[in-house]
Amino acid sequence: MPGGLCYSQTVLPPEGADAMRSFDPTTGLSRSTRNLLLLAIVLAVIHHADHVLRVDHSGWPFRAMVTPFTFSLIAYPVLLFALLGRASLFWLRFALLAIGAALTVFAHATLESPRMQYAMWAYNRSLEPQFWDVRNLCGIQSGTMGVIAVIVSMALNVTLVATCVSMLRDGLGRHRGHTD
């Protein structure tokens, strides 16, 4: 329309929404991936604190025995490397994050099921036969705490998977040359 306002439709570039993502030049991460990694770290700290308080799925350095919990502490260097590592190591960071996420989801489905997490708080006893006499450190029975433990664990699983998907999108977007 001459001399008047011209309205136009906003059209995404052919590459889609990924082309509109901006990436930190140092890390190669988008803001959404960075925020998901930060959320995963917070949830991991809360979940590991829950492990320690529940006792039955804890281990060194909080108990005298080395357990899967002990090895799960490697999550922190992996998450920090994924968050802060150089862009030139992007795919290594992604691979380590994806392996860590897969191991976490596997552990929460097989070694430490939501039922086990809930029971230690709700009934103040472990469902593990070898720890039948173990009680949580707080000495309480709380269904609410059991539900919170399960929600944190599942939120961690979902966040890790979402973080992997977001980081993969970042890597593919960067690969296509969209490094705004």
C-alpha atoms as a PDB file:
ATOM      1  CA  MET A   1       0.000   0.000   0.000  1.00  0.00           C
ATOM      2  CA  PRO A   2       1.767   3.210  -1.125  1.00  0.00           C
ATOM      3  CA  GLY A   3       2.313   5.810   1.587  1.00  0.00           C
ATOM      4  CA  GLY A   4       0.699   3.603   4.211  1.00  0.00           C
ATOM      5  CA  LEU A   5       1.720   0.855   6.550  1.00  0.00           C
ATOM      6  CA  CYS A   6       2.816  -2.334   4.965  1.00  0.00           C
ATOM      7  CA  TYR A   7       2.052  -5.542   6.835  1.00  0.00           C
ATOM      8  CA  SER A   8       4.139  -8.579   6.088  1.00  0.00           C
ATOM      9  CA  GLN A   9       4.141 -12.094   7.286  1.00  0.00           C
ATOM     10  CA  THR A  10       7.080 -13.298   9.342  1.00  0.00           C
ATOM     11  CA  VAL A  11       8.561 -16.306   7.643  1.00  0.00           C
ATOM     12  CA  LEU A  12      11.137 -18.572   9.215  1.00  0.00           C
ATOM     13  CA  PRO A  13      14.235 -19.234   7.173  1.00  0.00           C
ATOM     14  CA  PRO A  14      14.206 -22.521   5.246  1.00  0.00           C
ATOM     15  CA  GLU A  15      16.330 -24.165   7.944  1.00  0.00           C
ATOM     16  CA  GLY A  16      13.574 -23.587  10.496  1.00  0.00           C
ATOM     17  CA  ALA A  17      13.805 -22.364  14.068  1.00  0.00           C
ATOM     18  CA  ASP A  18      17.383 -23.615  14.528  1.00  0.00           C
ATOM     19  CA  ALA A  19      18.641 -20.870  12.253  1.00  0.00           C
ATOM     20  CA  MET A  20      17.283 -18.302  14.712  1.00  0.00           C
ATOM     21  CA  ARG A  21      19.186 -19.772  17.675  1.00  0.00           C
ATOM     22  CA  SER A  22      22.229 -17.877  18.807  1.00  0.00           C
ATOM     23  CA  PHE A  23      25.193 -19.757  20.177  1.00  0.00           C
ATOM     24  CA  ASP A  24      27.819 -18.792  22.708  1.00  0.00           C
ATOM     25  CA  PRO A  25      31.012 -18.673  20.631  1.00  0.00           C
ATOM     26  CA  THR A  26      33.117 -20.106  23.465  1.00  0.00           C
ATOM     27  CA  THR A  27      30.938 -23.136  24.245  1.00  0.00           C
ATOM     28  CA  GLY A  28      28.768 -23.498  21.149  1.00  0.00           C
ATOM     29  CA  LEU A  29      25.666 -23.768  23.345  1.00  0.00           C
ATOM     30  CA  SER A  30      22.357 -21.992  22.959  1.00  0.00           C
ATOM     31  CA  ARG A  31      20.785 -20.242  25.929  1.00  0.00           C
ATOM     32  CA  SER A  32      18.165 -23.003  26.249  1.00  0.00           C
ATOM     33  CA  THR A  33      20.819 -25.734  26.426  1.00  0.00           C
ATOM     34  CA  ARG A  34      22.833 -23.738  28.958  1.00  0.00           C
ATOM     35  CA  ASN A  35      19.724 -23.259  31.119  1.00  0.00           C
ATOM     36  CA  LEU A  36      18.811 -26.950  30.878  1.00  0.00           C
ATOM     37  CA  LEU A  37      22.341 -27.915  31.947  1.00  0.00           C
ATOM     38  CA  LEU A  38      22.107 -25.572  34.937  1.00  0.00           C
ATOM     39  CA  LEU A  39      18.731 -27.090  35.873  1.00  0.00           C
ATOM     40  CA  ALA A  40      20.200 -30.601  35.534  1.00  0.00           C
ATOM     41  CA  ILE A  41      23.039 -29.676  37.906  1.00  0.00           C
ATOM     42  CA  VAL A  42      20.592 -28.307  40.500  1.00  0.00           C
ATOM     43  CA  LEU A  43      18.368 -31.399  40.238  1.00  0.00           C
ATOM     44  CA  ALA A  44      21.418 -33.696  40.450  1.00  0.00           C
ATOM     45  CA  VAL A  45      22.569 -32.015  43.673  1.00  0.00           C
ATOM     46  CA  ILE A  46      19.088 -32.341  45.193  1.00  0.00           C
ATOM     47  CA  HIS A  47      18.820 -35.967  44.044  1.00  0.00           C
ATOM     48  CA  HIS A  48      22.252 -36.886  45.423  1.00  0.00           C
ATOM     49  CA  ALA A  49      21.366 -35.216  48.741  1.00  0.00           C
ATOM     50  CA  ASP A  50      18.255 -37.417  48.744  1.00  0.00           C
ATOM     51  CA  HIS A  51      20.493 -40.464  48.162  1.00  0.00           C
ATOM     52  CA  VAL A  52      22.581 -39.552  51.189  1.00  0.00           C
ATOM     53  CA  LEU A  53      19.521 -39.029  53.400  1.00  0.00           C
ATOM     54  CA  ARG A  54      17.888 -42.276  52.243  1.00  0.00           C
ATOM     55  CA  VAL A  55      21.110 -44.193  53.021  1.00  0.00           C
ATOM     56  CA  ASP A  56      20.223 -47.452  51.215  1.00  0.00           C
ATOM     57  CA  HIS A  57      21.279 -46.091  47.814  1.00  0.00           C
ATOM     58  CA  SER A  58      24.187 -44.028  49.066  1.00  0.00           C
ATOM     59  CA  GLY A  59      27.862 -44.930  49.158  1.00  0.00           C
ATOM     60  CA  TRP A  60      31.360 -43.578  49.436  1.00  0.00           C
ATOM     61  CA  PRO A  61      32.187 -40.817  50.430  1.00  0.00           C
ATOM     62  CA  PHE A  62      29.116 -40.856  52.707  1.00  0.00           C
ATOM     63  CA  ARG A  63      29.303 -44.546  53.599  1.00  0.00           C
ATOM     64  CA  ALA A  64      32.258 -46.901  53.876  1.00  0.00           C
ATOM     65  CA  MET A  65      31.310 -48.875  50.754  1.00  0.00           C
ATOM     66  CA  VAL A  66      31.765 -48.090  47.061  1.00  0.00           C
ATOM     67  CA  THR A  67      28.411 -48.376  45.286  1.00  0.00           C
ATOM     68  CA  PRO A  68      26.821 -47.198  42.020  1.00  0.00           C
ATOM     69  CA  PHE A  69      26.179 -43.922  43.887  1.00  0.00           C
ATOM     70  CA  THR A  70      29.950 -43.419  44.152  1.00  0.00           C
ATOM     71  CA  PHE A  71      30.350 -43.729  40.388  1.00  0.00           C
ATOM     72  CA  SER A  72      27.331 -41.492  39.771  1.00  0.00           C
ATOM     73  CA  LEU A  73      29.286 -38.582  41.253  1.00  0.00           C
ATOM     74  CA  ILE A  74      31.146 -38.367  37.937  1.00  0.00           C
ATOM     75  CA  ALA A  75      27.988 -36.645  36.722  1.00  0.00           C
ATOM     76  CA  TYR A  76      29.279 -33.328  38.051  1.00  0.00           C
ATOM     77  CA  PRO A  77      32.484 -33.130  35.981  1.00  0.00           C
ATOM     78  CA  VAL A  78      30.515 -34.375  32.945  1.00  0.00           C
ATOM     79  CA  LEU A  79      27.779 -31.749  33.402  1.00  0.00           C
ATOM     80  CA  LEU A  80      30.326 -28.996  34.016  1.00  0.00           C
ATOM     81  CA  PHE A  81      32.323 -30.057  30.940  1.00  0.00           C
ATOM     82  CA  ALA A  82      29.118 -30.044  28.857  1.00  0.00           C
ATOM     83  CA  LEU A  83      28.296 -26.566  30.197  1.00  0.00           C
ATOM     84  CA  LEU A  84      31.721 -24.904  30.113  1.00  0.00           C
ATOM     85  CA  GLY A  85      33.822 -26.876  27.625  1.00  0.00           C
ATOM     86  CA  ARG A  86      35.244 -25.345  24.470  1.00  0.00           C
ATOM     87  CA  ALA A  87      33.162 -25.336  21.308  1.00  0.00           C
ATOM     88  CA  SER A  88      35.919 -27.291  19.555  1.00  0.00           C
ATOM     89  CA  LEU A  89      35.120 -30.219  21.882  1.00  0.00           C
ATOM     90  CA  PHE A  90      31.359 -29.920  21.316  1.00  0.00           C
ATOM     91  CA  TRP A  91      30.711 -33.475  20.089  1.00  0.00           C
ATOM     92  CA  LEU A  92      32.819 -35.056  22.835  1.00  0.00           C
ATOM     93  CA  ARG A  93      30.853 -33.024  25.380  1.00  0.00           C
ATOM     94  CA  PHE A  94      27.592 -34.126  23.768  1.00  0.00           C
ATOM     95  CA  ALA A  95      28.633 -37.815  23.709  1.00  0.00           C
ATOM     96  CA  LEU A  96      29.598 -37.789  27.389  1.00  0.00           C
ATOM     97  CA  LEU A  97      26.336 -36.044  28.303  1.00  0.00           C
ATOM     98  CA  ALA A  98      24.275 -38.531  26.286  1.00  0.00           C
ATOM     99  CA  ILE A  99      26.058 -41.512  27.892  1.00  0.00           C
ATOM    100  CA  GLY A 100      25.537 -39.999  31.352  1.00  0.00           C
ATOM    101  CA  ALA A 101      21.857 -39.352  30.641  1.00  0.00           C
ATOM    102  CA  ALA A 102      21.340 -42.907  29.408  1.00  0.00           C
ATOM    103  CA  LEU A 103      23.057 -44.372  32.474  1.00  0.00           C
ATOM    104  CA  THR A 104      20.977 -42.155  34.770  1.00  0.00           C
ATOM    105  CA  VAL A 105      17.679 -43.172  33.190  1.00  0.00           C
ATOM    106  CA  PHE A 106      18.765 -46.838  33.252  1.00  0.00           C
ATOM    107  CA  ALA A 107      19.751 -46.613  36.933  1.00  0.00           C
ATOM    108  CA  HIS A 108      16.465 -44.980  37.880  1.00  0.00           C
ATOM    109  CA  ALA A 109      14.518 -47.680  36.050  1.00  0.00           C
ATOM    110  CA  THR A 110      16.445 -50.707  37.322  1.00  0.00           C
ATOM    111  CA  LEU A 111      18.790 -50.116  40.263  1.00  0.00           C
ATOM    112  CA  GLU A 112      16.803 -47.488  42.121  1.00  0.00           C
ATOM    113  CA  SER A 113      13.192 -47.587  41.010  1.00  0.00           C
ATOM    114  CA  PRO A 114      10.672 -44.921  41.999  1.00  0.00           C
ATOM    115  CA  ARG A 115       9.065 -47.560  44.250  1.00  0.00           C
ATOM    116  CA  MET A 116      12.338 -47.941  46.182  1.00  0.00           C
ATOM    117  CA  GLN A 117      12.820 -44.185  46.449  1.00  0.00           C
ATOM    118  CA  TYR A 118       9.281 -43.732  47.744  1.00  0.00           C
ATOM    119  CA  ALA A 119       9.389 -46.621  50.236  1.00  0.00           C
ATOM    120  CA  MET A 120      12.510 -45.424  52.036  1.00  0.00           C
ATOM    121  CA  TRP A 121      10.712 -42.208  52.962  1.00  0.00           C
ATOM    122  CA  ALA A 122       7.110 -43.424  53.258  1.00  0.00           C
ATOM    123  CA  TYR A 123       7.882 -46.499  55.387  1.00  0.00           C
ATOM    124  CA  ASN A 124      11.339 -45.569  56.710  1.00  0.00           C
ATOM    125  CA  ARG A 125      12.757 -48.853  55.490  1.00  0.00           C
ATOM    126  CA  SER A 126      14.638 -50.094  52.472  1.00  0.00           C
ATOM    127  CA  LEU A 127      13.122 -52.491  49.979  1.00  0.00           C
ATOM    128  CA  GLU A 128      16.616 -53.850  49.270  1.00  0.00           C
ATOM    129  CA  PRO A 129      16.873 -57.314  50.906  1.00  0.00           C
ATOM    130  CA  GLN A 130      20.485 -56.737  51.969  1.00  0.00           C
ATOM    131  CA  PHE A 131      19.485 -53.453  53.674  1.00  0.00           C
ATOM    132  CA  TRP A 132      16.237 -54.583  55.311  1.00  0.00           C
ATOM    133  CA  ASP A 133      17.230 -52.954  58.609  1.00  0.00           C
ATOM    134  CA  VAL A 134      18.448 -49.628  57.131  1.00  0.00           C
ATOM    135  CA  ARG A 135      16.436 -46.506  57.926  1.00  0.00           C
ATOM    136  CA  ASN A 136      16.671 -43.024  56.422  1.00  0.00           C
ATOM    137  CA  LEU A 137      18.968 -40.564  58.204  1.00  0.00           C
ATOM    138  CA  CYS A 138      16.066 -38.358  59.278  1.00  0.00           C
ATOM    139  CA  GLY A 139      14.300 -41.279  60.955  1.00  0.00           C
ATOM    140  CA  ILE A 140      10.936 -40.200  59.556  1.00  0.00           C
ATOM    141  CA  GLN A 141       8.064 -41.807  57.724  1.00  0.00           C
ATOM    142  CA  SER A 142       6.708 -39.383  55.140  1.00  0.00           C
ATOM    143  CA  GLY A 143       4.749 -40.205  52.032  1.00  0.00           C
ATOM    144  CA  THR A 144       5.189 -36.577  50.986  1.00  0.00           C
ATOM    145  CA  MET A 145       8.984 -36.908  51.114  1.00  0.00           C
ATOM    146  CA  GLY A 146       8.677 -40.120  49.096  1.00  0.00           C
ATOM    147  CA  VAL A 147       6.665 -38.351  46.422  1.00  0.00           C
ATOM    148  CA  ILE A 148       9.148 -35.455  46.346  1.00  0.00           C
ATOM    149  CA  ALA A 149      12.062 -37.896  45.957  1.00  0.00           C
ATOM    150  CA  VAL A 150      10.355 -39.576  43.001  1.00  0.00           C
ATOM    151  CA  ILE A 151       9.429 -36.243  41.386  1.00  0.00           C
ATOM    152  CA  VAL A 152      13.023 -34.979  41.665  1.00  0.00           C
ATOM    153  CA  SER A 153      14.372 -38.214  40.210  1.00  0.00           C
ATOM    154  CA  MET A 154      11.947 -38.199  37.287  1.00  0.00           C
ATOM    155  CA  ALA A 155      12.495 -34.466  36.694  1.00  0.00           C
ATOM    156  CA  LEU A 156      16.227 -35.168  36.517  1.00  0.00           C
ATOM    157  CA  ASN A 157      15.632 -37.924  33.937  1.00  0.00           C
ATOM    158  CA  VAL A 158      13.409 -35.706  31.782  1.00  0.00           C
ATOM    159  CA  THR A 159      15.771 -32.740  32.088  1.00  0.00           C
ATOM    160  CA  LEU A 160      18.782 -34.816  31.039  1.00  0.00           C
ATOM    161  CA  VAL A 161      16.968 -36.172  27.977  1.00  0.00           C
ATOM    162  CA  ALA A 162      15.717 -32.675  27.055  1.00  0.00           C
ATOM    163  CA  THR A 163      19.246 -31.327  27.503  1.00  0.00           C
ATOM    164  CA  CYS A 164      20.624 -33.964  25.136  1.00  0.00           C
ATOM    165  CA  VAL A 165      17.995 -33.106  22.517  1.00  0.00           C
ATOM    166  CA  SER A 166      18.680 -29.378  22.891  1.00  0.00           C
ATOM    167  CA  MET A 167      22.443 -29.850  22.685  1.00  0.00           C
ATOM    168  CA  LEU A 168      22.052 -32.063  19.610  1.00  0.00           C
ATOM    169  CA  ARG A 169      19.994 -29.315  17.962  1.00  0.00           C
ATOM    170  CA  ASP A 170      22.754 -26.839  18.852  1.00  0.00           C
ATOM    171  CA  GLY A 171      25.388 -29.046  17.280  1.00  0.00           C
ATOM    172  CA  LEU A 172      23.416 -29.637  14.110  1.00  0.00           C
ATOM    173  CA  GLY A 173      22.599 -25.915  13.869  1.00  0.00           C
ATOM    174  CA  ARG A 174      26.251 -25.004  14.286  1.00  0.00           C
ATOM    175  CA  HIS A 175      27.223 -27.636  11.729  1.00  0.00           C
ATOM    176  CA  ARG A 176      24.978 -25.965   9.148  1.00  0.00           C
ATOM    177  CA  GLY A 177      26.899 -22.756   9.778  1.00  0.00           C
ATOM    178  CA  HIS A 178      24.342 -20.863  11.840  1.00  0.00           C
ATOM    179  CA  THR A 179      26.621 -19.515  14.547  1.00  0.00           C
ATOM    180  CA  ASP A 180      25.112 -16.027  14.974  1.00  0.00           C
END
